[in-house]
Amino acid sequence: MEDKKDYYARNRQARKEYQRKYYIRNKDRIKRKRKLEELSDPEKFAERKNYNRSYYQRNRARILKKRADAYAKKKKTKKAISADPF
């Protein structure tokens, strides 16, 4: 079991990158599927919406901090690139 944890810890970044690329490639398909699911089963849609709302409320501070950090990092990179003439 410990080896498994080590494997996932070592490959966390690669796994996250793969998941992000997968989502970008299949974003439209995922949205279409959710829209059809919403129309066919409104109760399931309401459950998902309530779950997302409660998750956001529970983790709001962490989510906002993560967004702020990402924005600051992006801004810093953009500033460094624009300051470098070559």
N, C-alpha and C. Protein backbone atom coordinates (compact mmCIF):
# COMPACT_ATOMS: atom_id res chain seq x y z
N MET A 1 0.83 -1.19 0.00
CA MET A 1 0.00 0.00 0.00
C MET A 1 0.87 1.25 0.00
N GLU A 2 1.96 1.19 0.73
CA GLU A 2 2.87 2.35 0.81
C GLU A 2 3.50 2.65 -0.55
N ASP A 3 3.82 1.56 -1.30
CA ASP A 3 4.38 1.75 -2.64
C ASP A 3 3.39 2.47 -3.55
N LYS A 4 2.12 2.13 -3.39
CA LYS A 4 1.08 2.75 -4.21
C LYS A 4 1.00 4.25 -3.92
N LYS A 5 1.06 4.61 -2.64
CA LYS A 5 1.03 6.03 -2.27
C LYS A 5 2.23 6.76 -2.85
N ASP A 6 3.38 6.13 -2.76
CA ASP A 6 4.60 6.74 -3.31
C ASP A 6 4.47 6.95 -4.81
N TYR A 7 3.91 5.97 -5.50
CA TYR A 7 3.74 6.07 -6.95
C TYR A 7 2.85 7.26 -7.29
N TYR A 8 1.72 7.37 -6.61
CA TYR A 8 0.80 8.47 -6.90
C TYR A 8 1.39 9.81 -6.50
N ALA A 9 2.14 9.84 -5.42
CA ALA A 9 2.78 11.09 -5.00
C ALA A 9 3.85 11.51 -6.01
N ARG A 10 4.61 10.55 -6.50
CA ARG A 10 5.67 10.86 -7.47
C ARG A 10 5.11 11.34 -8.79
N ASN A 11 3.99 10.78 -9.20
CA ASN A 11 3.44 11.08 -10.52
C ASN A 11 2.26 12.04 -10.48
N ARG A 12 2.12 12.77 -9.39
CA ARG A 12 0.97 13.66 -9.23
C ARG A 12 0.91 14.71 -10.34
N GLN A 13 2.04 15.37 -10.59
CA GLN A 13 2.04 16.45 -11.58
C GLN A 13 1.71 15.93 -12.98
N ALA A 14 2.30 14.81 -13.35
CA ALA A 14 2.03 14.24 -14.68
C ALA A 14 0.56 13.84 -14.79
N ARG A 15 0.01 13.28 -13.72
CA ARG A 15 -1.40 12.88 -13.72
C ARG A 15 -2.31 14.09 -13.86
N LYS A 16 -1.99 15.18 -13.15
CA LYS A 16 -2.80 16.40 -13.24
C LYS A 16 -2.73 17.00 -14.64
N GLU A 17 -1.55 16.99 -15.24
CA GLU A 17 -1.41 17.51 -16.61
C GLU A 17 -2.22 16.68 -17.59
N TYR A 18 -2.16 15.36 -17.44
CA TYR A 18 -2.93 14.48 -18.31
C TYR A 18 -4.42 14.74 -18.16
N GLN A 19 -4.89 14.87 -16.92
CA GLN A 19 -6.31 15.11 -16.68
C GLN A 19 -6.75 16.44 -17.28
N ARG A 20 -5.90 17.44 -17.16
CA ARG A 20 -6.24 18.76 -17.73
C ARG A 20 -6.35 18.69 -19.25
N LYS A 21 -5.38 18.02 -19.89
CA LYS A 21 -5.41 17.87 -21.35
C LYS A 21 -6.64 17.09 -21.79
N TYR A 22 -6.98 16.04 -21.04
CA TYR A 22 -8.16 15.24 -21.35
C TYR A 22 -9.41 16.11 -21.30
N TYR A 23 -9.52 16.93 -20.24
CA TYR A 23 -10.70 17.78 -20.11
C TYR A 23 -10.78 18.78 -21.26
N ILE A 24 -9.66 19.37 -21.61
CA ILE A 24 -9.66 20.35 -22.70
C ILE A 24 -10.09 19.69 -24.01
N ARG A 25 -9.58 18.48 -24.29
CA ARG A 25 -9.93 17.77 -25.51
C ARG A 25 -11.41 17.37 -25.54
N ASN A 26 -11.97 17.03 -24.39
CA ASN A 26 -13.33 16.48 -24.34
C ASN A 26 -14.35 17.41 -23.70
N LYS A 27 -14.00 18.67 -23.56
CA LYS A 27 -14.84 19.64 -22.88
C LYS A 27 -16.25 19.72 -23.49
N ASP A 28 -16.33 19.83 -24.80
CA ASP A 28 -17.63 19.94 -25.46
C ASP A 28 -18.48 18.68 -25.26
N ARG A 29 -17.83 17.54 -25.36
CA ARG A 29 -18.54 16.28 -25.18
C ARG A 29 -19.09 16.16 -23.76
N ILE A 30 -18.28 16.55 -22.78
CA ILE A 30 -18.69 16.51 -21.38
C ILE A 30 -19.88 17.45 -21.14
N LYS A 31 -19.80 18.66 -21.70
CA LYS A 31 -20.89 19.63 -21.54
C LYS A 31 -22.18 19.13 -22.19
N ARG A 32 -22.08 18.55 -23.38
CA ARG A 32 -23.26 18.01 -24.05
C ARG A 32 -23.90 16.91 -23.22
N LYS A 33 -23.06 16.03 -22.69
CA LYS A 33 -23.55 14.91 -21.89
C LYS A 33 -24.27 15.43 -20.64
N ARG A 34 -23.69 16.43 -19.99
CA ARG A 34 -24.33 17.00 -18.80
C ARG A 34 -25.63 17.70 -19.13
N LYS A 35 -25.68 18.37 -20.28
CA LYS A 35 -26.90 19.06 -20.69
C LYS A 35 -28.01 18.04 -20.95
N LEU A 36 -27.69 16.95 -21.65
CA LEU A 36 -28.68 15.91 -21.89
C LEU A 36 -29.13 15.26 -20.58
N GLU A 37 -28.18 15.08 -19.68
CA GLU A 37 -28.50 14.50 -18.38
C GLU A 37 -29.43 15.43 -17.60
N GLU A 38 -29.17 16.74 -17.70
CA GLU A 38 -30.01 17.72 -17.02
C GLU A 38 -31.45 17.66 -17.53
N LEU A 39 -31.61 17.52 -18.83
CA LEU A 39 -32.94 17.46 -19.42
C LEU A 39 -33.66 16.16 -19.08
N SER A 40 -32.92 15.07 -19.06
CA SER A 40 -33.54 13.77 -18.82
C SER A 40 -33.78 13.49 -17.33
N ASP A 41 -32.91 14.05 -16.47
CA ASP A 41 -33.04 13.79 -15.03
C ASP A 41 -32.77 15.08 -14.24
N PRO A 42 -33.77 15.95 -14.14
CA PRO A 42 -33.59 17.23 -13.45
C PRO A 42 -33.20 17.06 -11.98
N GLU A 43 -33.63 15.97 -11.37
CA GLU A 43 -33.30 15.74 -9.97
C GLU A 43 -31.80 15.54 -9.78
N LYS A 44 -31.19 14.79 -10.68
CA LYS A 44 -29.75 14.55 -10.61
C LYS A 44 -28.99 15.87 -10.83
N PHE A 45 -29.50 16.69 -11.75
CA PHE A 45 -28.90 18.00 -11.99
C PHE A 45 -28.96 18.86 -10.73
N ALA A 46 -30.11 18.85 -10.06
CA ALA A 46 -30.27 19.64 -8.83
C ALA A 46 -29.32 19.14 -7.75
N GLU A 47 -29.16 17.83 -7.64
CA GLU A 47 -28.23 17.26 -6.66
C GLU A 47 -26.80 17.72 -6.94
N ARG A 48 -26.40 17.68 -8.23
CA ARG A 48 -25.05 18.10 -8.59
C ARG A 48 -24.85 19.58 -8.28
N LYS A 49 -25.84 20.38 -8.61
CA LYS A 49 -25.76 21.82 -8.36
C LYS A 49 -25.65 22.11 -6.86
N ASN A 50 -26.46 21.43 -6.05
CA ASN A 50 -26.39 21.60 -4.60
C ASN A 50 -25.05 21.16 -4.04
N TYR A 51 -24.53 20.05 -4.56
CA TYR A 51 -23.22 19.57 -4.11
C TYR A 51 -22.14 20.61 -4.43
N ASN A 52 -22.15 21.11 -5.68
CA ASN A 52 -21.14 22.10 -6.08
C ASN A 52 -21.24 23.35 -5.23
N ARG A 53 -22.47 23.79 -4.96
CA ARG A 53 -22.66 24.99 -4.14
C ARG A 53 -22.12 24.78 -2.72
N SER A 54 -22.44 23.65 -2.11
CA SER A 54 -21.98 23.40 -0.74
C SER A 54 -20.47 23.21 -0.70
N TYR A 55 -19.90 22.57 -1.73
CA TYR A 55 -18.44 22.40 -1.79
C TYR A 55 -17.76 23.75 -1.85
N TYR A 56 -18.28 24.64 -2.69
CA TYR A 56 -17.70 25.97 -2.83
C TYR A 56 -17.79 26.73 -1.51
N GLN A 57 -18.92 26.65 -0.85
CA GLN A 57 -19.09 27.36 0.42
C GLN A 57 -18.14 26.84 1.48
N ARG A 58 -17.94 25.52 1.53
CA ARG A 58 -17.03 24.93 2.51
C ARG A 58 -15.58 25.29 2.23
N ASN A 59 -15.22 25.38 0.95
CA ASN A 59 -13.82 25.56 0.57
C ASN A 59 -13.54 26.92 -0.08
N ARG A 60 -14.40 27.88 0.16
CA ARG A 60 -14.31 29.17 -0.51
C ARG A 60 -12.95 29.85 -0.32
N ALA A 61 -12.47 29.90 0.91
CA ALA A 61 -11.21 30.58 1.19
C ALA A 61 -10.06 29.94 0.41
N ARG A 62 -10.02 28.61 0.42
CA ARG A 62 -8.95 27.90 -0.28
C ARG A 62 -9.04 28.12 -1.79
N ILE A 63 -10.25 28.07 -2.33
CA ILE A 63 -10.45 28.27 -3.77
C ILE A 63 -10.04 29.67 -4.19
N LEU A 64 -10.46 30.67 -3.42
CA LEU A 64 -10.12 32.06 -3.75
C LEU A 64 -8.62 32.30 -3.64
N LYS A 65 -7.98 31.70 -2.63
CA LYS A 65 -6.52 31.84 -2.48
C LYS A 65 -5.80 31.22 -3.66
N LYS A 66 -6.26 30.05 -4.08
CA LYS A 66 -5.65 29.37 -5.22
C LYS A 66 -5.79 30.21 -6.49
N ARG A 67 -6.98 30.80 -6.69
CA ARG A 67 -7.19 31.67 -7.85
C ARG A 67 -6.29 32.89 -7.80
N ALA A 68 -6.18 33.49 -6.62
CA ALA A 68 -5.34 34.68 -6.47
C ALA A 68 -3.87 34.35 -6.74
N ASP A 69 -3.42 33.21 -6.24
CA ASP A 69 -2.03 32.79 -6.48
C ASP A 69 -1.78 32.56 -7.97
N ALA A 70 -2.72 31.91 -8.63
CA ALA A 70 -2.57 31.65 -10.07
C ALA A 70 -2.55 32.96 -10.84
N TYR A 71 -3.41 33.90 -10.46
CA TYR A 71 -3.46 35.20 -11.12
C TYR A 71 -2.14 35.96 -10.91
N ALA A 72 -1.64 35.94 -9.68
CA ALA A 72 -0.38 36.63 -9.39
C ALA A 72 0.78 36.02 -10.17
N LYS A 73 0.80 34.70 -10.26
CA LYS A 73 1.85 34.02 -11.01
C LYS A 73 1.79 34.39 -12.49
N LYS A 74 0.58 34.41 -13.04
CA LYS A 74 0.39 34.76 -14.45
C LYS A 74 0.81 36.20 -14.70
N LYS A 75 0.42 37.08 -13.78
CA LYS A 75 0.74 38.50 -13.91
C LYS A 75 2.25 38.72 -13.84
N LYS A 76 2.90 38.02 -12.91
CA LYS A 76 4.35 38.13 -12.75
C LYS A 76 5.07 37.66 -14.02
N THR A 77 4.63 36.55 -14.58
CA THR A 77 5.22 36.02 -15.80
C THR A 77 5.03 36.99 -16.96
N LYS A 78 3.83 37.52 -17.07
CA LYS A 78 3.52 38.46 -18.14
C LYS A 78 4.37 39.72 -18.01
N LYS A 79 4.54 40.19 -16.79
CA LYS A 79 5.34 41.39 -16.53
C LYS A 79 6.80 41.14 -16.88
N ALA A 80 7.31 39.96 -16.53
CA ALA A 80 8.70 39.62 -16.82
C ALA A 80 8.93 39.53 -18.33
N ILE A 81 7.96 38.98 -19.05
CA ILE A 81 8.09 38.84 -20.50
C ILE A 81 8.04 40.20 -21.17
N SER A 82 7.12 41.08 -20.72
CA SER A 82 7.01 42.39 -21.34
C SER A 82 8.19 43.30 -21.00
N ALA A 83 8.86 43.06 -19.87
CA ALA A 83 10.01 43.86 -19.48
C ALA A 83 11.26 43.48 -20.27
N ASP A 84 11.31 42.22 -20.73
CA ASP A 84 12.46 41.74 -21.48
C ASP A 84 12.28 42.11 -22.97
N PRO A 85 13.12 43.01 -23.50
CA PRO A 85 12.94 43.43 -24.89
C PRO A 85 13.27 42.34 -25.90
N PHE A 86 14.06 41.34 -25.50
CA PHE A 86 14.43 40.28 -26.44
C PHE A 86 13.94 39.02 -25.89
